C-alpha atoms as a PDB file:
ATOM      1  CA  MET A   1      29.387 120.938  14.355  1.00  0.00           C
ATOM      2  CA  THR A   2      29.203 123.877  16.747  1.00  0.00           C
ATOM      3  CA  ARG A   3      28.375 121.506  19.591  1.00  0.00           C
ATOM      4  CA  ASN A   4      31.409 119.332  18.811  1.00  0.00           C
ATOM      5  CA  LEU A   5      33.739 122.325  18.511  1.00  0.00           C
ATOM      6  CA  SER A   6      32.547 123.722  21.830  1.00  0.00           C
ATOM      7  CA  LYS A   7      33.908 120.607  23.551  1.00  0.00           C
ATOM      8  CA  PHE A   8      37.488 121.820  23.069  1.00  0.00           C
ATOM      9  CA  LEU A   9      37.239 125.418  21.826  1.00  0.00           C
ATOM     10  CA  ASN A  10      36.102 128.487  23.719  1.00  0.00           C
ATOM     11  CA  ALA A  11      33.534 130.924  22.340  1.00  0.00           C
ATOM     12  CA  ASP A  12      36.181 133.462  21.253  1.00  0.00           C
ATOM     13  CA  GLN A  13      38.083 130.733  19.396  1.00  0.00           C
ATOM     14  CA  MET A  14      34.942 129.697  17.522  1.00  0.00           C
ATOM     15  CA  GLU A  15      34.291 133.334  16.575  1.00  0.00           C
ATOM     16  CA  TYR A  16      37.861 133.571  15.304  1.00  0.00           C
ATOM     17  CA  LEU A  17      37.253 130.622  12.954  1.00  0.00           C
ATOM     18  CA  GLN A  18      34.298 132.458  11.413  1.00  0.00           C
ATOM     19  CA  LEU A  19      36.332 135.538  10.446  1.00  0.00           C
ATOM     20  CA  VAL A  20      36.868 136.095   6.730  1.00  0.00           C
ATOM     21  CA  ASP A  21      40.381 137.411   7.429  1.00  0.00           C
ATOM     22  CA  PRO A  22      41.697 136.076  10.785  1.00  0.00           C
ATOM     23  CA  SER A  23      44.804 138.276  10.503  1.00  0.00           C
ATOM     24  CA  LYS A  24      42.568 141.283  11.191  1.00  0.00           C
ATOM     25  CA  ASN A  25      41.195 139.880  14.428  1.00  0.00           C
ATOM     26  CA  SER A  26      40.669 142.780  16.839  1.00  0.00           C
ATOM     27  CA  ARG A  27      39.008 140.849  19.659  1.00  0.00           C
ATOM     28  CA  GLU A  28      40.746 140.256  22.970  1.00  0.00           C
ATOM     29  CA  TRP A  29      41.370 136.609  23.763  1.00  0.00           C
ATOM     30  CA  SER A  30      39.654 135.432  26.952  1.00  0.00           C
ATOM     31  CA  GLU A  31      41.621 134.511  30.059  1.00  0.00           C
ATOM     32  CA  ASP A  32      40.707 130.833  29.632  1.00  0.00           C
ATOM     33  CA  THR A  33      41.887 130.816  26.008  1.00  0.00           C
ATOM     34  CA  ILE A  34      45.179 132.458  27.007  1.00  0.00           C
ATOM     35  CA  LYS A  35      45.621 129.825  29.718  1.00  0.00           C
ATOM     36  CA  LYS A  36      45.010 126.993  27.232  1.00  0.00           C
ATOM     37  CA  ALA A  37      47.396 128.602  24.737  1.00  0.00           C
ATOM     38  CA  PHE A  38      50.122 128.885  27.374  1.00  0.00           C
ATOM     39  CA  GLN A  39      49.622 125.238  28.362  1.00  0.00           C
ATOM     40  CA  MET A  40      49.787 124.152  24.721  1.00  0.00           C
ATOM     41  CA  ARG A  41      52.945 126.221  24.216  1.00  0.00           C
ATOM     42  CA  LEU A  42      54.592 124.350  27.095  1.00  0.00           C
ATOM     43  CA  MET A  43      53.485 120.969  25.780  1.00  0.00           C
ATOM     44  CA  VAL A  44      54.448 121.257  22.096  1.00  0.00           C
ATOM     45  CA  ARG A  45      57.197 123.911  22.333  1.00  0.00           C
ATOM     46  CA  SER A  46      57.515 126.922  20.061  1.00  0.00           C
ATOM     47  CA  GLN A  47      57.813 125.099  16.710  1.00  0.00           C
ATOM     48  CA  GLY A  48      54.816 122.882  17.374  1.00  0.00           C
ATOM     49  CA  TYR A  49      52.775 125.840  18.595  1.00  0.00           C
ATOM     50  CA  GLU A  50      53.576 127.917  15.502  1.00  0.00           C
ATOM     51  CA  PHE A  51      52.797 124.945  13.245  1.00  0.00           C
ATOM     52  CA  LEU A  52      49.359 124.558  14.825  1.00  0.00           C
ATOM     53  CA  ARG A  53      48.695 128.292  14.647  1.00  0.00           C
ATOM     54  CA  LYS A  54      49.994 129.101  11.158  1.00  0.00           C
ATOM     55  CA  GLU A  55      49.825 125.856   9.173  1.00  0.00           C
ATOM     56  CA  MET A  56      46.818 124.181  10.796  1.00  0.00           C
ATOM     57  CA  HIS A  57      45.065 127.533  11.444  1.00  0.00           C
ATOM     58  CA  TRP A  58      44.291 126.623  15.028  1.00  0.00           C
ATOM     59  CA  PRO A  59      42.664 129.587  16.835  1.00  0.00           C
ATOM     60  CA  LEU A  60      45.544 130.507  19.122  1.00  0.00           C
ATOM     61  CA  SER A  61      47.059 133.801  20.217  1.00  0.00           C
ATOM     62  CA  SER A  62      50.439 134.911  18.898  1.00  0.00           C
ATOM     63  CA  PHE A  63      53.617 134.670  20.990  1.00  0.00           C
ATOM     64  CA  ARG A  64      53.555 138.443  21.308  1.00  0.00           C
ATOM     65  CA  THR A  65      50.070 138.348  22.829  1.00  0.00           C
ATOM     66  CA  LEU A  66      51.072 135.555  25.204  1.00  0.00           C
ATOM     67  CA  ARG A  67      54.107 137.511  26.391  1.00  0.00           C
ATOM     68  CA  ARG A  68      52.054 140.685  26.831  1.00  0.00           C
ATOM     69  CA  ARG A  69      49.419 138.884  28.904  1.00  0.00           C
ATOM     70  CA  LEU A  70      52.061 137.140  31.004  1.00  0.00           C
ATOM     71  CA  ASP A  71      53.780 140.454  31.695  1.00  0.00           C
ATOM     72  CA  VAL A  72      50.796 141.635  33.742  1.00  0.00           C
ATOM     73  CA  LEU A  73      50.877 138.617  36.057  1.00  0.00           C
ATOM     74  CA  GLN A  74      51.877 139.429  39.620  1.00  0.00           C
ATOM     75  CA  PHE A  75      54.928 137.163  39.607  1.00  0.00           C
ATOM     76  CA  ALA A  76      56.258 138.520  42.862  1.00  0.00           C
ATOM     77  CA  PRO A  77      59.004 136.873  44.946  1.00  0.00           C
ATOM     78  CA  GLY A  78      57.564 133.980  46.940  1.00  0.00           C
ATOM     79  CA  ASN A  79      54.244 134.056  45.046  1.00  0.00           C
ATOM     80  CA  GLN A  80      53.795 131.084  42.707  1.00  0.00           C
ATOM     81  CA  ALA A  81      49.981 130.872  42.596  1.00  0.00           C
ATOM     82  CA  GLU A  82      49.331 132.702  39.303  1.00  0.00           C
ATOM     83  CA  ILE A  83      52.033 130.845  37.361  1.00  0.00           C
ATOM     84  CA  ILE A  84      51.045 127.420  38.688  1.00  0.00           C
ATOM     85  CA  MET A  85      47.451 128.028  37.583  1.00  0.00           C
ATOM     86  CA  LEU A  86      48.718 128.204  33.977  1.00  0.00           C
ATOM     87  CA  LEU A  87      50.544 124.888  34.031  1.00  0.00           C
ATOM     88  CA  PRO A  88      49.288 121.846  32.088  1.00  0.00           C
ATOM     89  CA  VAL A  89      47.263 119.332  34.107  1.00  0.00           C
ATOM     90  CA  LYS A  90      47.640 115.797  32.756  1.00  0.00           C
ATOM     91  CA  ALA A  91      47.685 117.315  29.300  1.00  0.00           C
ATOM     92  CA  VAL A  92      49.751 114.572  27.678  1.00  0.00           C
ATOM     93  CA  ASN A  93      47.467 111.630  28.366  1.00  0.00           C
ATOM     94  CA  PRO A  94      44.753 111.667  31.032  1.00  0.00           C
ATOM     95  CA  GLU A  95      44.915 107.864  31.176  1.00  0.00           C
ATOM     96  CA  ASP A  96      48.678 107.855  31.859  1.00  0.00           C
ATOM     97  CA  THR A  97      49.240 107.638  35.617  1.00  0.00           C
ATOM     98  CA  THR A  98      52.684 109.256  35.262  1.00  0.00           C
ATOM     99  CA  SER A  99      51.622 112.320  33.245  1.00  0.00           C
ATOM    100  CA  ASP A 100      51.090 114.427  36.369  1.00  0.00           C
ATOM    101  CA  LEU A 101      54.436 113.564  37.994  1.00  0.00           C
ATOM    102  CA  CYS A 102      56.994 116.373  38.165  1.00  0.00           C
ATOM    103  CA  VAL A 103      60.557 117.139  39.224  1.00  0.00           C
ATOM    104  CA  THR A 104      61.411 120.403  40.963  1.00  0.00           C
ATOM    105  CA  PRO A 105      64.953 121.614  40.241  1.00  0.00           C
ATOM    106  CA  PHE A 106      66.071 124.716  42.127  1.00  0.00           C
ATOM    107  CA  ASP A 107      69.231 126.778  42.137  1.00  0.00           C
ATOM    108  CA  ALA A 108      70.634 129.862  43.839  1.00  0.00           C
ATOM    109  CA  MET A 109      72.346 132.432  41.615  1.00  0.00           C
ATOM    110  CA  LYS A 110      74.501 135.305  42.842  1.00  0.00           C
ATOM    111  CA  ILE A 111      73.256 138.822  42.172  1.00  0.00           C
ATOM    112  CA  GLY A 112      74.683 142.250  42.852  1.00  0.00           C
ATOM    113  CA  GLU A 113      73.706 143.924  46.116  1.00  0.00           C
ATOM    114  CA  ALA A 114      71.708 146.903  44.865  1.00  0.00           C
ATOM    115  CA  VAL A 115      68.296 148.501  45.187  1.00  0.00           C
ATOM    116  CA  THR A 116      66.229 147.439  42.154  1.00  0.00           C
ATOM    117  CA  TYR A 117      62.793 148.665  41.131  1.00  0.00           C
ATOM    118  CA  ASP A 118      60.481 146.188  39.393  1.00  0.00           C
ATOM    119  CA  LYS A 119      58.237 148.065  36.955  1.00  0.00           C
ATOM    120  CA  SER A 120      55.646 145.286  36.690  1.00  0.00           C
ATOM    121  CA  LEU A 121      55.330 144.902  40.460  1.00  0.00           C
ATOM    122  CA  LYS A 122      55.708 148.658  41.056  1.00  0.00           C
ATOM    123  CA  HIS A 123      57.989 148.275  44.050  1.00  0.00           C
ATOM    124  CA  CYS A 124      61.582 147.400  44.987  1.00  0.00           C
ATOM    125  CA  VAL A 125      62.557 143.727  45.096  1.00  0.00           C
ATOM    126  CA  SER A 126      66.133 144.019  46.320  1.00  0.00           C
ATOM    127  CA  LEU A 127      65.608 142.871  49.903  1.00  0.00           C
ATOM    128  CA  VAL A 128      65.396 139.359  51.291  1.00  0.00           C
ATOM    129  CA  THR A 129      61.903 137.985  50.623  1.00  0.00           C
ATOM    130  CA  PRO A 130      59.806 138.056  53.832  1.00  0.00           C
ATOM    131  CA  CYS A 131      58.824 134.356  53.654  1.00  0.00           C
ATOM    132  CA  VAL A 132      62.486 133.333  54.062  1.00  0.00           C
ATOM    133  CA  ALA A 133      63.751 136.327  56.080  1.00  0.00           C
ATOM    134  CA  GLY A 134      62.844 134.976  59.507  1.00  0.00           C
ATOM    135  CA  ASP A 135      62.440 138.353  61.210  1.00  0.00           C
ATOM    136  CA  GLU A 136      62.168 142.086  60.535  1.00  0.00           C
ATOM    137  CA  ALA A 137      65.934 142.524  60.554  1.00  0.00           C
ATOM    138  CA  GLY A 138      66.229 139.909  57.822  1.00  0.00           C
ATOM    139  CA  GLU A 139      63.580 141.656  55.719  1.00  0.00           C
ATOM    140  CA  GLU A 140      65.705 144.810  55.754  1.00  0.00           C
ATOM    141  CA  THR A 141      68.816 143.046  54.409  1.00  0.00           C
ATOM    142  CA  LEU A 142      69.910 143.413  50.785  1.00  0.00           C
ATOM    143  CA  ALA A 143      69.759 140.075  48.970  1.00  0.00           C
ATOM    144  CA  THR A 144      72.929 138.539  47.542  1.00  0.00           C
ATOM    145  CA  HIS A 145      71.311 135.600  45.718  1.00  0.00           C
ATOM    146  CA  VAL A 146      68.053 134.714  43.988  1.00  0.00           C
ATOM    147  CA  LEU A 147      66.727 131.184  44.510  1.00  0.00           C
ATOM    148  CA  ALA A 148      64.744 130.076  41.439  1.00  0.00           C
ATOM    149  CA  VAL A 149      62.397 127.077  41.445  1.00  0.00           C
ATOM    150  CA  VAL A 150      61.477 125.247  38.244  1.00  0.00           C
ATOM    151  CA  LEU A 151      58.797 122.630  37.608  1.00  0.00           C
ATOM    152  CA  LYS A 152      59.549 119.967  34.989  1.00  0.00           C
ATOM    153  CA  GLU A 153      57.423 117.104  33.751  1.00  0.00           C
ATOM    154  CA  LEU A 154      58.989 113.785  34.790  1.00  0.00           C
ATOM    155  CA  THR A 155      58.191 111.799  31.628  1.00  0.00           C
ATOM    156  CA  GLY A 156      57.803 114.671  29.163  1.00  0.00           C
ATOM    157  CA  HIS A 157      59.674 117.783  28.138  1.00  0.00           C
ATOM    158  CA  TRP A 158      57.748 120.826  29.369  1.00  0.00           C
ATOM    159  CA  LYS A 159      59.262 122.931  32.118  1.00  0.00           C
ATOM    160  CA  GLN A 160      58.532 126.324  33.631  1.00  0.00           C
ATOM    161  CA  LYS A 161      59.979 128.587  36.303  1.00  0.00           C
ATOM    162  CA  ILE A 162      57.241 128.799  38.916  1.00  0.00           C
ATOM    163  CA  SER A 163      58.672 130.706  41.881  1.00  0.00           C
ATOM    164  CA  TYR A 164      61.648 132.604  43.236  1.00  0.00           C
ATOM    165  CA  VAL A 165      62.835 134.300  46.408  1.00  0.00           C
ATOM    166  CA  PHE A 166      65.694 136.611  47.285  1.00  0.00           C
ATOM    167  CA  ILE A 167      68.102 135.280  49.920  1.00  0.00           C
ATOM    168  CA  THR A 168      71.606 135.714  51.330  1.00  0.00           C
ATOM    169  CA  GLN A 169      74.296 133.183  52.192  1.00  0.00           C
ATOM    170  CA  LYS A 170      73.104 133.448  55.783  1.00  0.00           C
ATOM    171  CA  THR A 171      69.458 132.627  55.071  1.00  0.00           C
ATOM    172  CA  SER A 172      68.623 129.636  57.251  1.00  0.00           C
ATOM    173  CA  ALA A 173      68.178 126.200  55.688  1.00  0.00           C
ATOM    174  CA  GLN A 174      64.982 125.788  57.726  1.00  0.00           C
ATOM    175  CA  MET A 175      63.379 128.874  56.141  1.00  0.00           C
ATOM    176  CA  ILE A 176      64.359 127.788  52.621  1.00  0.00           C
ATOM    177  CA  TRP A 177      63.032 124.277  53.251  1.00  0.00           C
ATOM    178  CA  GLU A 178      59.713 125.666  54.521  1.00  0.00           C
ATOM    179  CA  TYR A 179      59.491 127.792  51.375  1.00  0.00           C
ATOM    180  CA  LEU A 180      60.191 124.807  49.108  1.00  0.00           C
ATOM    181  CA  LYS A 181      57.533 122.788  50.908  1.00  0.00           C
ATOM    182  CA  SER A 182      54.987 125.571  50.359  1.00  0.00           C
ATOM    183  CA  VAL A 183      55.802 125.558  46.622  1.00  0.00           C
ATOM    184  CA  MET A 184      55.300 121.788  46.399  1.00  0.00           C
ATOM    185  CA  ILE A 185      51.994 122.011  48.255  1.00  0.00           C
ATOM    186  CA  SER A 186      50.818 124.709  45.809  1.00  0.00           C
ATOM    187  CA  VAL A 187      51.752 122.442  42.899  1.00  0.00           C
ATOM    188  CA  HIS A 188      49.769 119.551  44.365  1.00  0.00           C
ATOM    189  CA  GLU A 189      46.757 121.796  44.862  1.00  0.00           C
ATOM    190  CA  ASN A 190      46.790 122.247  41.083  1.00  0.00           C
ATOM    191  CA  SER A 191      46.582 118.450  40.506  1.00  0.00           C
ATOM    192  CA  LEU A 192      50.285 117.985  39.742  1.00  0.00           C
ATOM    193  CA  LYS A 193      52.606 115.920  41.937  1.00  0.00           C
ATOM    194  CA  VAL A 194      56.227 116.660  42.806  1.00  0.00           C
ATOM    195  CA  VAL A 195      58.066 113.370  43.280  1.00  0.00           C
ATOM    196  CA  MET A 196      61.667 114.608  43.201  1.00  0.00           C
ATOM    197  CA  LEU A 197      63.751 117.624  44.185  1.00  0.00           C
ATOM    198  CA  SER A 198      66.977 118.317  42.323  1.00  0.00           C
ATOM    199  CA  SER A 199      69.784 120.775  43.045  1.00  0.00           C
ATOM    200  CA  ASP A 200      73.520 121.257  43.024  1.00  0.00           C
ATOM    201  CA  ILE A 201      75.521 120.958  46.250  1.00  0.00           C
ATOM    202  CA  GLY A 202      76.068 124.627  47.013  1.00  0.00           C
ATOM    203  CA  GLY A 203      76.371 125.844  50.590  1.00  0.00           C
ATOM    204  CA  ASN A 204      72.669 126.504  51.201  1.00  0.00           C
ATOM    205  CA  ASN A 205      71.653 123.231  49.586  1.00  0.00           C
ATOM    206  CA  VAL A 206      74.101 121.179  51.660  1.00  0.00           C
ATOM    207  CA  ALA A 207      72.586 122.748  54.767  1.00  0.00           C
ATOM    208  CA  ILE A 208      69.095 121.716  53.597  1.00  0.00           C
ATOM    209  CA  VAL A 209      70.299 118.169  52.861  1.00  0.00           C
ATOM    210  CA  ASN A 210      71.734 117.885  56.369  1.00  0.00           C
ATOM    211  CA  LEU A 211      68.563 119.362  57.847  1.00  0.00           C
ATOM    212  CA  ILE A 212      66.183 116.837  56.289  1.00  0.00           C
ATOM    213  CA  GLY A 213      68.412 113.793  56.763  1.00  0.00           C
ATOM    214  CA  VAL A 214      69.632 113.058  53.241  1.00  0.00           C
ATOM    215  CA  TYR A 215      73.101 111.501  53.194  1.00  0.00           C
ATOM    216  CA  SER A 216      75.486 109.330  51.218  1.00  0.00           C
ATOM    217  CA  THR A 217      78.361 107.915  53.237  1.00  0.00           C
ATOM    218  CA  LYS A 218      80.346 104.719  53.473  1.00  0.00           C
ATOM    219  CA  ASP A 219      77.839 103.537  56.062  1.00  0.00           C
ATOM    220  CA  GLY A 220      74.756 103.950  53.900  1.00  0.00           C
ATOM    221  CA  VAL A 221      72.633 106.092  51.620  1.00  0.00           C
ATOM    222  CA  ASN A 222      69.335 107.868  52.205  1.00  0.00           C
ATOM    223  CA  THR A 223      67.730 109.994  49.483  1.00  0.00           C
ATOM    224  CA  ASN A 224      64.093 109.780  50.627  1.00  0.00           C
ATOM    225  CA  VAL A 225      62.355 112.265  52.896  1.00  0.00           C
ATOM    226  CA  PRO A 226      58.726 112.528  54.038  1.00  0.00           C
ATOM    227  CA  HIS A 227      56.583 114.360  51.485  1.00  0.00           C
ATOM    228  CA  PRO A 228      55.127 117.705  52.610  1.00  0.00           C
ATOM    229  CA  VAL A 229      51.748 116.587  51.241  1.00  0.00           C
ATOM    230  CA  PRO A 230      50.244 114.066  53.709  1.00  0.00           C
ATOM    231  CA  GLY A 231      49.537 110.661  52.229  1.00  0.00           C
ATOM    232  CA  ASP A 232      51.948 110.949  49.296  1.00  0.00           C
ATOM    233  CA  ALA A 233      54.941 108.680  48.823  1.00  0.00           C
ATOM    234  CA  ASP A 234      58.344 109.867  50.046  1.00  0.00           C
ATOM    235  CA  LEU A 235      60.033 112.690  48.196  1.00  0.00           C
ATOM    236  CA  ILE A 236      63.288 111.784  46.430  1.00  0.00           C
ATOM    237  CA  TRP A 237      66.241 114.157  46.645  1.00  0.00           C
ATOM    238  CA  ALA A 238      68.794 113.979  43.818  1.00  0.00           C
ATOM    239  CA  THR A 239      71.835 115.986  42.849  1.00  0.00           C
ATOM    240  CA  ASP A 240      71.332 117.358  39.354  1.00  0.00           C
ATOM    241  CA  VAL A 241      73.122 115.232  36.769  1.00  0.00           C
ATOM    242  CA  PRO A 242      75.654 117.800  35.446  1.00  0.00           C
ATOM    243  CA  HIS A 243      76.922 118.644  38.938  1.00  0.00           C
ATOM    244  CA  GLY A 244      76.902 114.991  39.987  1.00  0.00           C
ATOM    245  CA  LEU A 245      78.983 114.010  36.960  1.00  0.00           C
ATOM    246  CA  LYS A 246      81.371 116.925  37.483  1.00  0.00           C
ATOM    247  CA  ASN A 247      81.898 116.098  41.160  1.00  0.00           C
ATOM    248  CA  PHE A 248      82.509 112.420  40.437  1.00  0.00           C
ATOM    249  CA  TRP A 249      85.037 113.339  37.730  1.00  0.00           C
ATOM    250  CA  THR A 250      86.799 115.808  40.045  1.00  0.00           C
ATOM    251  CA  HIS A 251      87.038 113.175  42.780  1.00  0.00           C
ATOM    252  CA  ILE A 252      88.535 110.370  40.693  1.00  0.00           C
ATOM    253  CA  THR A 253      91.084 112.718  39.099  1.00  0.00           C
ATOM    254  CA  ARG A 254      92.216 113.664  42.593  1.00  0.00           C
ATOM    255  CA  ALA A 255      92.174 110.297  44.400  1.00  0.00           C
ATOM    256  CA  HIS A 256      91.363 106.618  44.024  1.00  0.00           C
ATOM    257  CA  MET A 257      87.883 105.364  44.849  1.00  0.00           C
ATOM    258  CA  THR A 258      86.978 101.993  46.329  1.00  0.00           C
ATOM    259  CA  ILE A 259      83.663 100.404  45.374  1.00  0.00           C
ATOM    260  CA  PRO A 260      81.882  97.530  47.195  1.00  0.00           C
ATOM    261  CA  GLU A 261      82.857  94.022  46.179  1.00  0.00           C
ATOM    262  CA  ALA A 262      79.231  93.240  45.357  1.00  0.00           C
ATOM    263  CA  LEU A 263      79.275  96.027  42.746  1.00  0.00           C
ATOM    264  CA  ARG A 264      82.518  94.701  41.287  1.00  0.00           C
ATOM    265  CA  ASP A 265      81.068  91.196  41.001  1.00  0.00           C
ATOM    266  CA  LYS A 266      77.759  92.382  39.552  1.00  0.00           C
ATOM    267  CA  PHE A 267      79.424  94.187  36.643  1.00  0.00           C
ATOM    268  CA  ARG A 268      82.404  91.791  36.427  1.00  0.00           C
ATOM    269  CA  LEU A 269      84.957  94.521  36.990  1.00  0.00           C
ATOM    270  CA  PRO A 270      88.672  93.687  37.372  1.00  0.00           C
ATOM    271  CA  SER A 271      89.099  95.518  40.687  1.00  0.00           C
ATOM    272  CA  VAL A 272      87.333  97.364  43.483  1.00  0.00           C
ATOM    273  CA  VAL A 273      89.653 100.352  42.944  1.00  0.00           C
ATOM    274  CA  VAL A 274      88.503 103.065  40.542  1.00  0.00           C
ATOM    275  CA  SER A 275      91.462 105.052  39.231  1.00  0.00           C
ATOM    276  CA  VAL A 276      92.459 107.185  36.260  1.00  0.00           C
ATOM    277  CA  SER A 277      96.167 106.437  36.647  1.00  0.00           C
ATOM    278  CA  HIS A 278      96.186 104.519  33.355  1.00  0.00           C
ATOM    279  CA  VAL A 279      94.698 107.551  31.575  1.00  0.00           C
ATOM    280  CA  VAL A 280      97.375 109.781  33.127  1.00  0.00           C
ATOM    281  CA  GLU A 281     100.026 107.348  31.888  1.00  0.00           C
ATOM    282  CA  LEU A 282      98.485 107.370  28.398  1.00  0.00           C
ATOM    283  CA  LEU A 283      98.639 111.181  28.368  1.00  0.00           C
ATOM    284  CA  ARG A 284     102.311 111.081  29.433  1.00  0.00           C
ATOM    285  CA  LEU A 285     103.204 108.684  26.612  1.00  0.00           C
ATOM    286  CA  GLN A 286     101.364 110.793  24.046  1.00  0.00           C
ATOM    287  CA  GLU A 287     103.127 113.950  25.187  1.00  0.00           C
ATOM    288  CA  ASN A 288     106.499 112.195  24.911  1.00  0.00           C
ATOM    289  CA  ALA A 289     106.144 111.706  21.156  1.00  0.00           C
ATOM    290  CA  GLY A 290     104.226 108.453  21.551  1.00  0.00           C
ATOM    291  CA  PRO A 291     101.351 107.361  19.310  1.00  0.00           C
ATOM    292  CA  LYS A 292      98.275 109.612  19.549  1.00  0.00           C
ATOM    293  CA  LEU A 293      95.685 106.984  20.432  1.00  0.00           C
ATOM    294  CA  VAL A 294      93.352 109.646  21.872  1.00  0.00           C
ATOM    295  CA  PRO A 295      94.309 112.984  20.251  1.00  0.00           C
ATOM    296  CA  GLY A 296      91.632 114.902  22.147  1.00  0.00           C
ATOM    297  CA  LEU A 297      92.988 113.924  25.578  1.00  0.00           C
ATOM    298  CA  THR A 298      94.654 116.809  27.398  1.00  0.00           C
ATOM    299  CA  ALA A 299      96.037 117.488  30.870  1.00  0.00           C
ATOM    300  CA  SER A 300      92.836 119.372  31.663  1.00  0.00           C
ATOM    301  CA  HIS A 301      90.902 116.094  31.470  1.00  0.00           C
ATOM    302  CA  VAL A 302      92.954 114.239  34.077  1.00  0.00           C
ATOM    303  CA  ILE A 303      94.746 116.969  36.059  1.00  0.00           C
ATOM    304  CA  PRO A 304      92.250 119.863  35.982  1.00  0.00           C
ATOM    305  CA  ALA A 305      93.243 123.239  37.388  1.00  0.00           C
ATOM    306  CA  GLN A 306      91.078 124.951  40.004  1.00  0.00           C
ATOM    307  CA  PHE A 307      88.769 126.717  37.564  1.00  0.00           C
ATOM    308  CA  GLU A 308      88.743 123.806  35.124  1.00  0.00           C
ATOM    309  CA  LYS A 309      87.136 121.654  37.831  1.00  0.00           C
ATOM    310  CA  MET A 310      83.997 123.766  37.408  1.00  0.00           C
ATOM    311  CA  GLY A 311      83.651 122.789  33.750  1.00  0.00           C
ATOM    312  CA  VAL A 312      80.920 120.249  33.080  1.00  0.00           C
ATOM    313  CA  GLY A 313      82.128 120.036  29.476  1.00  0.00           C
ATOM    314  CA  LEU A 314      85.503 118.542  30.464  1.00  0.00           C
ATOM    315  CA  ALA A 315      83.789 115.946  32.657  1.00  0.00           C
ATOM    316  CA  THR A 316      81.356 115.019  29.894  1.00  0.00           C
ATOM    317  CA  THR A 317      84.168 114.636  27.361  1.00  0.00           C
ATOM    318  CA  PHE A 318      86.248 112.545  29.765  1.00  0.00           C
ATOM    319  CA  PHE A 319      83.496 109.940  30.183  1.00  0.00           C
ATOM    320  CA  SER A 320      82.396 110.019  26.575  1.00  0.00           C
ATOM    321  CA  GLU A 321      83.082 106.988  24.368  1.00  0.00           C
ATOM    322  CA  GLU A 322      83.563 109.375  21.469  1.00  0.00           C
ATOM    323  CA  MET A 323      86.449 111.497  22.782  1.00  0.00           C
ATOM    324  CA  PRO A 324      88.337 112.598  19.632  1.00  0.00           C
END
């Protein structure tokens, strides 16, 4: 039995199973066991992890121990190596050729310009990260945004923030693109494969899109770019779904859209013109004491104000078949 258990349990886990009262375990979990526990936590989420630990009595560390061990990792800006080493590697099904495919969403969030001391890193992290600064002058500039990079399994549900850098609105698209390529290469070195990048269409991201040749115009569409890892298939660039839906909704509430005739014929649509004028007319009739066919329809759905255009919720409701 010991030989069979050793195929998937570490020595400290096997010792844990032999304790009369596991709740009084005073041994430190090994680094490899902590790594496996973190990977399992990503794969089965918190409820599944707690079920295995408490109900099935699987020899796993508590959430508190996991958090404490993760706190000592040197998760410094621009350094993704230690986090990537903890990620699952084909953990769902080794025979599934898609289980190692990942999507890399990234987003820039505004932060206050201030000197901040990171207790875990034991130094200030308020300046632009050197790997995207470009020169010494850039390294001495206070950051205005933090660019966070996430890794998500393409066909599963685990996801994890793996890297971040501090930038400004003036940080060059070339430097950010070089940083993103380095992150993807690090991921591939850990036997995972990034097949898609996803982001909103903020200022920095638009600059990156233009830099690498991604476009969508009336003359054509190109969403594929050469992969930074030689020999891999092209990398796909996609706008994240919430922002894509919101932008499409904003556009058609502001102006008509004309689609290709081939698309009209394929889906047997009545016209090549996409318009919400009939929805606007329905709203007008309802507001003039007409029958409330769609009680949940408001002016915000078809004539959104400036700040309402930022609401993904309004866009989602507008296209929903279940609008109240």
